[in-house]
Amino acid sequence: MLVLFGILIIIASVILGFIVLIQNPKGGGLGSAFGGGGNAQMFGGVKKTTDFLDRSTWTLAIALFVLVLAVNMVNTTTNAVQAEETDMTEQVEDVAPIVPNQQPAPAAGGDLPESVEE
């Protein structure tokens, strides 16, 4: 699931970057301060294209934000499950192992079995 979200985040980021680079600056920026701002008014602007690019920028930015939140929620759930499993494993390891067919300790002065005499 994290791989799918990761791929979608990368795709949305790349497309968002291209759309931002395609757009014309709205405020004129530094170019208008040196006399380059007259071009947009002389030739007019294509209103439909800017509306599409503006809406797609907002849509992709919101989608990217939602995808990042989804990855965070899925990753938090995965980490919580792994932490629970680790806690259970530690508890099981803390308990003394049960050895089947364990013979009781011999009385004082008694003979030890051959396997223990070493």
C-alpha atoms as a PDB file:
ATOM      1  CA  MET A   1       0.000   0.000   0.000  1.00  0.00           C
ATOM      2  CA  LEU A   2       2.869   2.369   0.814  1.00  0.00           C
ATOM      3  CA  VAL A   3       4.431   1.661  -2.582  1.00  0.00           C
ATOM      4  CA  LEU A   4       1.192   2.597  -4.360  1.00  0.00           C
ATOM      5  CA  PHE A   5       0.905   5.852  -2.428  1.00  0.00           C
ATOM      6  CA  GLY A   6       4.578   6.588  -3.075  1.00  0.00           C
ATOM      7  CA  ILE A   7       4.138   6.146  -6.826  1.00  0.00           C
ATOM      8  CA  LEU A   8       1.027   8.353  -6.834  1.00  0.00           C
ATOM      9  CA  ILE A   9       2.853  11.058  -4.866  1.00  0.00           C
ATOM     10  CA  ILE A  10       5.743  11.053  -7.331  1.00  0.00           C
ATOM     11  CA  ILE A  11       3.408  11.241 -10.345  1.00  0.00           C
ATOM     12  CA  ALA A  12       1.355  14.073  -8.790  1.00  0.00           C
ATOM     13  CA  SER A  13       4.528  15.981  -7.881  1.00  0.00           C
ATOM     14  CA  VAL A  14       6.000  15.741 -11.383  1.00  0.00           C
ATOM     15  CA  ILE A  15       2.753  16.798 -13.065  1.00  0.00           C
ATOM     16  CA  LEU A  16       2.332  19.646 -10.578  1.00  0.00           C
ATOM     17  CA  GLY A  17       5.865  20.846 -11.306  1.00  0.00           C
ATOM     18  CA  PHE A  18       5.232  20.864 -15.062  1.00  0.00           C
ATOM     19  CA  ILE A  19       1.937  22.734 -14.675  1.00  0.00           C
ATOM     20  CA  VAL A  20       3.535  25.370 -12.460  1.00  0.00           C
ATOM     21  CA  LEU A  21       6.334  25.869 -14.982  1.00  0.00           C
ATOM     22  CA  ILE A  22       3.847  26.224 -17.872  1.00  0.00           C
ATOM     23  CA  GLN A  23       1.860  29.010 -16.200  1.00  0.00           C
ATOM     24  CA  ASN A  24       2.496  32.662 -16.919  1.00  0.00           C
ATOM     25  CA  PRO A  25       3.361  34.788 -13.896  1.00  0.00           C
ATOM     26  CA  LYS A  26       0.246  36.659 -12.746  1.00  0.00           C
ATOM     27  CA  GLY A  27       1.930  39.599 -11.030  1.00  0.00           C
ATOM     28  CA  GLY A  28       4.435  40.330 -13.746  1.00  0.00           C
ATOM     29  CA  GLY A  29       7.279  39.666 -11.362  1.00  0.00           C
ATOM     30  CA  LEU A  30      10.697  41.164 -11.962  1.00  0.00           C
ATOM     31  CA  GLY A  31      10.198  41.299 -15.755  1.00  0.00           C
ATOM     32  CA  SER A  32       7.463  43.939 -15.518  1.00  0.00           C
ATOM     33  CA  ALA A  33       9.675  46.199 -13.423  1.00  0.00           C
ATOM     34  CA  PHE A  34      12.063  46.552 -16.389  1.00  0.00           C
ATOM     35  CA  GLY A  35       9.399  47.161 -19.032  1.00  0.00           C
ATOM     36  CA  GLY A  36       8.507  43.611 -20.000  1.00  0.00           C
ATOM     37  CA  GLY A  37       4.943  43.743 -18.649  1.00  0.00           C
ATOM     38  CA  GLY A  38       3.376  45.352 -21.750  1.00  0.00           C
ATOM     39  CA  ASN A  39       3.476  42.154 -23.763  1.00  0.00           C
ATOM     40  CA  ALA A  40       0.598  40.479 -21.945  1.00  0.00           C
ATOM     41  CA  GLN A  41      -1.704  43.441 -22.432  1.00  0.00           C
ATOM     42  CA  MET A  42      -0.761  44.009 -26.055  1.00  0.00           C
ATOM     43  CA  PHE A  43      -1.498  40.478 -27.254  1.00  0.00           C
ATOM     44  CA  GLY A  44      -4.206  39.680 -24.746  1.00  0.00           C
ATOM     45  CA  GLY A  45      -4.443  36.524 -22.673  1.00  0.00           C
ATOM     46  CA  VAL A  46      -6.119  33.211 -23.160  1.00  0.00           C
ATOM     47  CA  LYS A  47      -8.546  33.102 -20.271  1.00  0.00           C
ATOM     48  CA  LYS A  48      -9.611  29.460 -20.671  1.00  0.00           C
ATOM     49  CA  THR A  49      -6.063  28.106 -20.544  1.00  0.00           C
ATOM     50  CA  THR A  50      -5.167  30.020 -17.398  1.00  0.00           C
ATOM     51  CA  ASP A  51      -8.376  28.866 -15.693  1.00  0.00           C
ATOM     52  CA  PHE A  52      -7.564  25.232 -16.508  1.00  0.00           C
ATOM     53  CA  LEU A  53      -3.972  25.548 -15.331  1.00  0.00           C
ATOM     54  CA  ASP A  54      -5.008  27.352 -12.159  1.00  0.00           C
ATOM     55  CA  ARG A  55      -7.640  24.740 -11.276  1.00  0.00           C
ATOM     56  CA  SER A  56      -5.335  21.846 -12.094  1.00  0.00           C
ATOM     57  CA  THR A  57      -2.634  23.361  -9.880  1.00  0.00           C
ATOM     58  CA  TRP A  58      -5.013  23.565  -6.927  1.00  0.00           C
ATOM     59  CA  THR A  59      -6.418  20.098  -7.603  1.00  0.00           C
ATOM     60  CA  LEU A  60      -2.984  18.485  -7.757  1.00  0.00           C
ATOM     61  CA  ALA A  61      -1.779  20.371  -4.674  1.00  0.00           C
ATOM     62  CA  ILE A  62      -4.794  19.165  -2.682  1.00  0.00           C
ATOM     63  CA  ALA A  63      -4.376  15.614  -4.031  1.00  0.00           C
ATOM     64  CA  LEU A  64      -0.708  15.655  -3.044  1.00  0.00           C
ATOM     65  CA  PHE A  65      -1.603  16.847   0.459  1.00  0.00           C
ATOM     66  CA  VAL A  66      -4.252  14.124   0.864  1.00  0.00           C
ATOM     67  CA  LEU A  67      -1.857  11.430  -0.400  1.00  0.00           C
ATOM     68  CA  VAL A  68       0.828  12.482   2.062  1.00  0.00           C
ATOM     69  CA  LEU A  69      -1.702  12.365   4.908  1.00  0.00           C
ATOM     70  CA  ALA A  70      -2.854   8.912   3.757  1.00  0.00           C
ATOM     71  CA  VAL A  71       0.731   7.628   3.735  1.00  0.00           C
ATOM     72  CA  ASN A  72       1.219   8.999   7.232  1.00  0.00           C
ATOM     73  CA  MET A  73      -1.942   7.281   8.503  1.00  0.00           C
ATOM     74  CA  VAL A  74      -1.083   3.945   6.874  1.00  0.00           C
ATOM     75  CA  ASN A  75       2.511   4.132   8.103  1.00  0.00           C
ATOM     76  CA  THR A  76       1.372   4.958  11.662  1.00  0.00           C
ATOM     77  CA  THR A  77      -0.957   1.953  11.652  1.00  0.00           C
ATOM     78  CA  THR A  78       1.819  -0.296  10.339  1.00  0.00           C
ATOM     79  CA  ASN A  79       4.255   0.981  12.973  1.00  0.00           C
ATOM     80  CA  ALA A  80       1.691   0.422  15.747  1.00  0.00           C
ATOM     81  CA  VAL A  81       1.153  -3.183  14.640  1.00  0.00           C
ATOM     82  CA  GLN A  82       4.908  -3.798  14.462  1.00  0.00           C
ATOM     83  CA  ALA A  83       5.382  -2.274  17.926  1.00  0.00           C
ATOM     84  CA  GLU A  84       2.646  -4.537  19.301  1.00  0.00           C
ATOM     85  CA  GLU A  85       4.282  -7.598  17.755  1.00  0.00           C
ATOM     86  CA  THR A  86       7.647  -6.550  19.215  1.00  0.00           C
ATOM     87  CA  ASP A  87       6.111  -6.141  22.678  1.00  0.00           C
ATOM     88  CA  MET A  88       4.509  -9.581  22.468  1.00  0.00           C
ATOM     89  CA  THR A  89       7.770 -11.135  21.267  1.00  0.00           C
ATOM     90  CA  GLU A  90       9.670  -9.566  24.179  1.00  0.00           C
ATOM     91  CA  GLN A  91       7.093 -10.866  26.655  1.00  0.00           C
ATOM     92  CA  VAL A  92       7.314 -14.374  25.217  1.00  0.00           C
ATOM     93  CA  GLU A  93      11.110 -14.286  25.298  1.00  0.00           C
ATOM     94  CA  ASP A  94      11.080 -13.151  28.950  1.00  0.00           C
ATOM     95  CA  VAL A  95       9.169 -16.261  30.028  1.00  0.00           C
ATOM     96  CA  ALA A  96      11.406 -19.192  30.925  1.00  0.00           C
ATOM     97  CA  PRO A  97      11.341 -21.872  28.241  1.00  0.00           C
ATOM     98  CA  ILE A  98       9.422 -25.021  29.039  1.00  0.00           C
ATOM     99  CA  VAL A  99      11.570 -28.055  28.425  1.00  0.00           C
ATOM    100  CA  PRO A 100       9.570 -31.258  27.932  1.00  0.00           C
ATOM    101  CA  ASN A 101      10.562 -34.473  29.743  1.00  0.00           C
ATOM    102  CA  GLN A 102      12.692 -32.626  32.269  1.00  0.00           C
ATOM    103  CA  GLN A 103      13.748 -34.939  35.070  1.00  0.00           C
ATOM    104  CA  PRO A 104      13.586 -33.716  38.628  1.00  0.00           C
ATOM    105  CA  ALA A 105      16.859 -32.814  40.325  1.00  0.00           C
ATOM    106  CA  PRO A 106      18.377 -35.755  42.216  1.00  0.00           C
ATOM    107  CA  ALA A 107      18.436 -35.781  45.979  1.00  0.00           C
ATOM    108  CA  ALA A 108      21.627 -34.743  47.736  1.00  0.00           C
ATOM    109  CA  GLY A 109      24.304 -37.362  47.288  1.00  0.00           C
ATOM    110  CA  GLY A 110      22.429 -39.203  44.572  1.00  0.00           C
ATOM    111  CA  ASP A 111      23.877 -40.244  41.254  1.00  0.00           C
ATOM    112  CA  LEU A 112      23.420 -37.837  38.354  1.00  0.00           C
ATOM    113  CA  PRO A 113      22.145 -39.079  35.010  1.00  0.00           C
ATOM    114  CA  GLU A 114      24.814 -39.692  32.386  1.00  0.00           C
ATOM    115  CA  SER A 115      23.775 -36.661  30.294  1.00  0.00           C
ATOM    116  CA  VAL A 116      24.318 -34.277  33.230  1.00  0.00           C
ATOM    117  CA  GLU A 117      27.595 -35.717  34.608  1.00  0.00           C
ATOM    118  CA  GLU A 118      29.850 -33.776  32.230  1.00  0.00           C
END
